[in-house]
Structures are given as structure tokens and as C-alpha cells.
Protein backbone atom coordinates (compact mmCIF):
# COMPACT_ATOMS: atom_id res chain seq x y z
CA UNK A 1 2.08 11.11 -1.26
CA UNK A 2 -0.25 10.10 -4.05
CA UNK A 3 -3.57 8.54 -3.04
CA UNK A 4 -4.25 7.27 -6.57
CA UNK A 5 -1.01 5.37 -7.30
CA UNK A 6 0.47 3.71 -4.21
CA UNK A 7 3.85 2.88 -5.73
CA UNK A 8 4.58 6.14 -7.60
CA UNK A 9 8.36 6.32 -8.07
CA UNK A 10 8.58 9.80 -9.65
CA UNK A 11 6.84 13.17 -9.54
CA UNK A 12 5.94 14.76 -12.88
CA UNK A 13 6.11 18.47 -13.66
CA UNK A 14 2.96 19.71 -15.36
CA UNK A 15 3.89 21.84 -18.39
CA UNK A 16 0.75 23.98 -18.06
CA UNK A 17 1.17 25.28 -14.50
CA UNK A 18 4.83 24.35 -13.79
CA UNK A 19 3.90 22.45 -10.59
CA UNK A 20 4.91 18.95 -9.48
CA UNK A 21 2.32 16.14 -9.20
CA UNK A 22 2.51 12.40 -8.55
CA UNK A 23 -0.07 11.57 -11.22
CA UNK A 24 -2.48 13.17 -13.68
CA UNK A 25 -5.41 12.56 -11.29
CA UNK A 26 -3.66 14.59 -8.56
CA UNK A 27 -3.36 17.46 -11.08
CA UNK A 28 -7.04 17.20 -12.03
CA UNK A 29 -8.14 17.32 -8.37
CA UNK A 30 -6.11 20.37 -7.40
CA UNK A 31 -6.22 22.49 -10.58
CA UNK A 32 -9.09 24.04 -12.51
CA UNK A 33 -7.54 23.49 -15.95
CA UNK A 34 -6.72 20.44 -18.05
CA UNK A 35 -3.24 18.93 -18.08
CA UNK A 36 -1.34 20.15 -21.17
CA UNK A 37 0.27 17.51 -23.37
CA UNK A 38 3.97 17.66 -24.22
CA UNK A 39 6.64 15.44 -25.78
CA UNK A 40 9.38 16.34 -23.28
CA UNK A 41 8.59 15.52 -19.67
CA UNK A 42 10.38 16.54 -16.49
CA UNK A 43 10.57 14.08 -13.59
CA UNK A 44 11.89 14.02 -10.03
CA UNK A 45 12.98 10.62 -8.73
CA UNK A 46 11.51 9.93 -5.28
CA UNK A 47 14.49 7.77 -4.33
CA UNK A 48 17.41 10.14 -5.01
CA UNK A 49 15.39 13.42 -5.19
CA UNK A 50 17.07 14.50 -8.45
CA UNK A 51 15.33 15.93 -11.51
CA UNK A 52 15.72 14.70 -15.08
CA UNK A 53 14.06 15.11 -18.49
CA UNK A 54 12.91 12.50 -20.99
CA UNK A 55 11.96 12.95 -24.63
CA UNK A 56 8.83 10.86 -25.07
CA UNK A 57 9.12 10.68 -28.89
CA UNK A 58 12.32 8.61 -28.62
CA UNK A 59 11.45 6.64 -25.47
CA UNK A 60 13.23 3.29 -25.08
CA UNK A 61 13.22 0.51 -22.49
CA UNK A 62 16.45 1.85 -20.98
CA UNK A 63 14.62 5.13 -20.26
CA UNK A 64 12.54 3.38 -17.57
CA UNK A 65 15.34 3.96 -15.03
CA UNK A 66 16.47 7.10 -13.22
CA UNK A 67 19.74 8.28 -14.83
CA UNK A 68 21.15 9.20 -11.40
CA UNK A 69 20.38 6.18 -9.17
CA UNK A 70 19.02 3.51 -11.59
CA UNK A 71 15.66 3.40 -9.75
CA UNK A 72 13.13 1.59 -11.96
CA UNK A 73 10.32 4.16 -12.06
CA UNK A 74 8.09 2.64 -14.74
CA UNK A 75 6.12 0.09 -12.72
CA UNK A 76 2.60 -1.24 -12.99
CA UNK A 77 0.52 1.11 -10.85
CA UNK A 78 -0.93 -0.22 -7.61
CA UNK A 79 -4.19 1.52 -6.88
CA UNK A 80 -5.80 1.38 -3.44
CA UNK A 81 -8.52 -1.25 -3.03
CA UNK A 82 -11.23 -1.27 -0.40
CA UNK A 83 -10.95 -4.19 1.98
CA UNK A 84 -12.59 -5.36 5.16
CA UNK A 85 -10.26 -6.63 7.83
CA UNK A 86 -9.61 -6.83 11.52
CA UNK A 87 -7.38 -4.17 12.97
CA UNK A 88 -4.61 -5.45 15.15
CA UNK A 89 -1.59 -7.64 15.03
CA UNK A 90 -1.34 -10.81 12.98
CA UNK A 91 -3.05 -13.60 14.94
CA UNK A 92 -0.33 -16.04 13.92
CA UNK A 93 2.23 -13.87 15.71
CA UNK A 94 0.20 -12.50 18.62
CA UNK A 95 -2.86 -14.55 19.58
CA UNK A 96 -4.07 -12.34 22.43
CA UNK A 97 -7.00 -11.10 20.31
CA UNK A 98 -8.41 -14.59 19.79
CA UNK A 99 -11.12 -15.85 22.12
CA UNK A 100 -10.37 -19.04 23.99
CA UNK A 101 -13.39 -21.29 23.43
CA UNK A 102 -12.18 -24.08 25.73
CA UNK A 103 -14.02 -24.74 28.99
CA UNK A 104 -12.45 -23.25 32.06
CA UNK A 105 -11.60 -25.53 34.95
CA UNK A 106 -14.18 -25.32 37.77
CA UNK A 107 -12.53 -26.25 41.12
CA UNK A 108 -15.93 -27.35 42.56
CA UNK A 109 -16.38 -29.83 39.77
CA UNK A 110 -14.12 -32.85 39.94
CA UNK A 111 -14.06 -36.50 39.01
CA UNK A 112 -14.32 -37.37 42.69
CA UNK A 113 -17.36 -35.17 43.37
CA UNK A 114 -19.59 -36.91 40.86
CA UNK A 115 -22.28 -39.21 42.12
CA UNK A 116 -21.76 -42.44 40.20
CA UNK A 117 -23.13 -44.80 42.85
CA UNK A 118 -25.91 -45.98 40.55
CA UNK A 119 -23.32 -47.12 38.01
CA UNK A 120 -21.12 -49.09 40.34
CA UNK A 121 -21.95 -52.62 41.29
């Protein structure tokens, strides 16, 4: 699982070391050499788990799909973003985490226990 691109649809075979990586940054983190450039790339689709090759010199819009399962693998990359949030269930679904700010009913306090004799005529 790639930590740089959250929606990676294919793994790419590095031509320099013949290993599979989800992105070029994953290669740079785990290897001590630079990623070699090539015009023919080898991919493995993460949906159907089948390998295929693409010639990058004659790349067309129809080449953005896996030839085996038609998975669209050329997507805009979603990179992880830091966010601050509350862990737990959605408050709209499960409101047990919310604090009840209403006053609790005190059985000793009642409308009939108040002294209002000075107000009555």
C-alpha cells in the first residue's frame, strides 16, 4: 500500500532493479539508486492482478485503462493531508459522545416547593 498516493491503481516495475513499486517516491525511499527512465513501462493492475506493458512514446487516451479488466488507472493522485478531527463515530448517527448541556431534573426542586408567598396577594 502506497503512503504517497492513496488511490494508486497500478504497481510499476522499475527498469533499473526489476522490482515493483506503487510510485517513484516509494522507489526512492527503499533503494539507494535513482529510478532509470524508459519508454516501455510494465504495470500490474491492482484490481485484476494482471501485468501489462505500455509503450509511452505512442500513449493515447485509450491506454489509460487496464487491457484485462478496463480499470481506469490514470487518475489524479490523492495525497494524504494532515487533519485534526475527533476520533469516534459520526455524531449525526451516534450522539453518545456529545455532552448533554441541559439541566438535570432535581426531585427536591419543584414548582410547589418554592416560596412565593410574598408575590401572592
